[in-house]
Each structure stands twice: as C-alpha cells, then as structure tokens.
Amino acid sequence: MPRLGIFNMMCGFFVLACAAAAGAFIATDISQGFIHDRAILESWQLMLDKSAHGHSNLFALLHICFGLTMPYSTWGSPVKTTQTAGLLLGTLAMGPGMMLKARLGPMSETSLIDIMIGGMLSAALLALFAHAIGLGAKWYERA
C-alpha cells in the first residue's frame, strides 16, 4: 500500500482517538447541565462542541476510507496528495475550527473564522468529489 494511503489511515485513527477522548469532556458537560443548569444543554458552545465531535469522527472515517480506496483511483500521486491536503483541511475546519467558533460565540455577521471554515470545508468537498471521479474512472475502465 502506498505511503500516502497509510498516512491517511494513520491520520484517521489519530483523529478518531482524539475525538473519542474529547467525547468524555462533552459527556461531562452534558451531565453537569442535567444536574446544575439545564440552560447549558441548549448553549451555543455545547451545540457546536457536539457538532465538532461528530464531524471529527466523520472526517476520521473519511481519512481511513480514503486511504483504503486510494489504490483504486486513477488519479496520479500529485492529485492524491492534494486530496489528502483537502481532507486534512476539512478535518481541521470541522474539528478544531468549530471548537474555536464555539468559544467566540454567535455573531450576526460573517466572521473571519466562518470564511476560513468555509474555505477549508470546500477543499475537503473538492477532494471527495475528485476521489469519487477517480474511483468512477477505475470502475468504467473495468466495465
């Protein structure tokens, strides 16, 4: 298996481990909300923290699946490297980026963090679309 595929799988399992560890903190916050102040359960910060937790798990699995399916794509190494970078940007946007946004609080106007998250997520979506095209080309080749 190419080293880039292994790198993606390694990143995926690392992010999965971090997200699992962070889940314990979110569970503690939810428990404290039920015990002390139910308003915490509907807070902006907790909602985005839960979203970041779920999206981090999603992107971890995307990295693993991408690493496993890379050999089936018709794209060359430079495109696969760019796709890896796109997925990494998406992982950073939807994990740490969302957690940072949660700490900044809701804003009525588009902020710099919103633009950064949007750009990074767009890179991840392009990487996923490109991978789907590469897999489709391989499937068409064999048909």
Protein backbone atom coordinates (compact mmCIF):
# COMPACT_ATOMS: atom_id res chain seq x y z
CA MET A 1 0.00 0.00 0.00
CA PRO A 2 1.37 3.44 -0.88
CA ARG A 3 2.72 5.51 1.98
CA LEU A 4 0.14 8.25 1.33
CA GLY A 5 -2.67 5.74 1.92
CA ILE A 6 -1.06 4.67 5.18
CA PHE A 7 -0.63 8.33 6.15
CA ASN A 8 -4.37 8.92 5.60
CA MET A 9 -5.29 5.88 7.67
CA MET A 10 -2.88 6.97 10.42
CA CYS A 11 -4.43 10.46 10.44
CA GLY A 12 -7.89 8.93 10.57
CA PHE A 13 -7.13 6.77 13.57
CA PHE A 14 -5.36 9.64 15.33
CA VAL A 15 -8.35 11.96 14.82
CA LEU A 16 -10.70 9.16 15.89
CA ALA A 17 -8.73 8.71 19.12
CA CYS A 18 -8.74 12.46 19.81
CA ALA A 19 -12.47 12.73 19.11
CA ALA A 20 -13.17 9.78 21.40
CA ALA A 21 -11.17 11.41 24.18
CA ALA A 22 -12.97 14.73 23.64
CA GLY A 23 -16.29 12.91 23.87
CA ALA A 24 -15.65 12.28 27.55
CA PHE A 25 -15.44 16.03 28.19
CA ILE A 26 -18.64 16.67 26.26
CA ALA A 27 -20.38 13.94 28.27
CA THR A 28 -19.22 15.61 31.49
CA ASP A 29 -20.58 18.98 30.31
CA ILE A 30 -23.92 17.37 29.47
CA SER A 31 -24.05 15.63 32.86
CA GLN A 32 -23.32 18.92 34.62
CA GLY A 33 -26.09 20.55 32.60
CA PHE A 34 -28.63 17.99 33.71
CA ILE A 35 -27.53 18.27 37.34
CA HIS A 36 -26.93 22.01 37.77
CA ASP A 37 -28.29 24.13 34.94
CA ARG A 38 -30.36 22.82 32.04
CA ALA A 39 -29.71 26.03 30.08
CA ILE A 40 -26.20 24.71 29.43
CA LEU A 41 -27.74 21.91 27.37
CA GLU A 42 -29.06 24.43 24.86
CA SER A 43 -25.98 26.64 24.80
CA TRP A 44 -24.23 27.70 21.63
CA GLN A 45 -20.91 26.35 22.83
CA LEU A 46 -22.18 22.89 23.73
CA MET A 47 -24.10 22.60 20.46
CA LEU A 48 -21.00 23.42 18.38
CA ASP A 49 -18.79 21.21 20.56
CA LYS A 50 -21.14 18.28 19.90
CA SER A 51 -21.10 19.13 16.20
CA ALA A 52 -17.29 19.27 16.17
CA HIS A 53 -17.17 15.90 17.94
CA GLY A 54 -19.45 14.26 15.38
CA HIS A 55 -17.76 15.86 12.39
CA SER A 56 -14.31 14.90 13.69
CA ASN A 57 -15.44 11.29 13.82
CA LEU A 58 -16.82 11.61 10.31
CA PHE A 59 -13.61 13.05 8.91
CA ALA A 60 -11.56 10.41 10.72
CA LEU A 61 -13.55 7.71 8.94
CA LEU A 62 -13.24 9.60 5.65
CA HIS A 63 -9.44 9.59 6.02
CA ILE A 64 -9.45 5.85 6.72
CA CYS A 65 -11.76 5.07 3.79
CA PHE A 66 -9.77 7.36 1.52
CA GLY A 67 -6.53 5.65 2.50
CA LEU A 68 -8.02 2.22 1.87
CA THR A 69 -9.51 3.13 -1.52
CA MET A 70 -6.61 5.20 -2.88
CA PRO A 71 -5.15 2.29 -4.89
CA TYR A 72 -8.41 2.05 -6.85
CA SER A 73 -8.37 5.68 -8.01
CA THR A 74 -6.98 6.51 -11.45
CA TRP A 75 -5.53 9.82 -10.25
CA GLY A 76 -1.77 10.18 -10.01
CA SER A 77 0.26 10.87 -6.90
CA PRO A 78 0.14 14.71 -7.12
CA VAL A 79 -3.68 14.72 -7.19
CA LYS A 80 -3.87 12.20 -4.35
CA THR A 81 -1.50 14.36 -2.30
CA THR A 82 -3.73 17.38 -2.98
CA GLN A 83 -6.79 15.35 -2.00
CA THR A 84 -5.08 14.39 1.26
CA ALA A 85 -4.39 18.07 1.97
CA GLY A 86 -8.04 18.88 1.23
CA LEU A 87 -9.25 16.23 3.65
CA LEU A 88 -6.83 17.48 6.31
CA LEU A 89 -8.18 21.00 5.87
CA GLY A 90 -11.73 19.72 6.27
CA THR A 91 -10.74 17.81 9.39
CA LEU A 92 -9.21 20.94 10.89
CA ALA A 93 -12.21 23.06 9.90
CA MET A 94 -14.87 20.79 11.32
CA GLY A 95 -12.97 19.80 14.47
CA PRO A 96 -10.72 22.49 15.96
CA GLY A 97 -12.25 25.20 13.74
CA MET A 98 -15.75 24.52 15.03
CA MET A 99 -14.47 24.38 18.61
CA LEU A 100 -12.83 27.80 18.13
CA LYS A 101 -16.06 29.16 16.64
CA ALA A 102 -17.92 27.83 19.69
CA ARG A 103 -15.60 29.78 22.01
CA LEU A 104 -16.08 33.00 20.03
CA GLY A 105 -19.87 32.83 20.37
CA PRO A 106 -22.57 33.57 17.83
CA MET A 107 -22.10 36.58 15.56
CA SER A 108 -24.64 38.34 13.37
CA GLU A 109 -22.10 38.96 10.61
CA THR A 110 -19.80 36.62 8.73
CA SER A 111 -16.51 36.43 10.61
CA LEU A 112 -13.01 35.50 9.51
CA ILE A 113 -13.37 32.09 11.21
CA ASP A 114 -16.56 31.47 9.17
CA ILE A 115 -14.69 32.26 5.95
CA MET A 116 -11.77 30.06 6.95
CA ILE A 117 -14.05 27.14 7.88
CA GLY A 118 -15.96 27.57 4.61
CA GLY A 119 -12.80 27.58 2.52
CA MET A 120 -11.28 24.61 4.31
CA LEU A 121 -14.52 22.64 4.06
CA SER A 122 -14.74 23.48 0.34
CA ALA A 123 -11.27 21.99 -0.14
CA ALA A 124 -12.43 18.79 1.57
CA LEU A 125 -15.54 18.58 -0.58
CA LEU A 126 -13.48 19.05 -3.75
CA ALA A 127 -11.15 16.27 -2.58
CA LEU A 128 -14.11 13.95 -2.03
CA PHE A 129 -15.65 14.74 -5.42
CA ALA A 130 -12.28 14.23 -7.12
CA HIS A 131 -11.83 10.89 -5.37
CA ALA A 132 -15.30 9.78 -6.45
CA ILE A 133 -14.38 10.71 -10.05
CA GLY A 134 -11.09 8.78 -9.79
CA LEU A 135 -12.93 5.72 -8.47
CA GLY A 136 -15.58 6.07 -11.15
CA ALA A 137 -12.93 6.20 -13.85
CA LYS A 138 -11.43 2.98 -12.50
CA TRP A 139 -14.86 1.35 -12.44
CA TYR A 140 -15.54 2.49 -16.02
CA GLU A 141 -12.14 1.16 -17.10
CA ARG A 142 -13.05 -2.34 -15.98
CA ALA A 143 -16.62 -2.31 -17.27
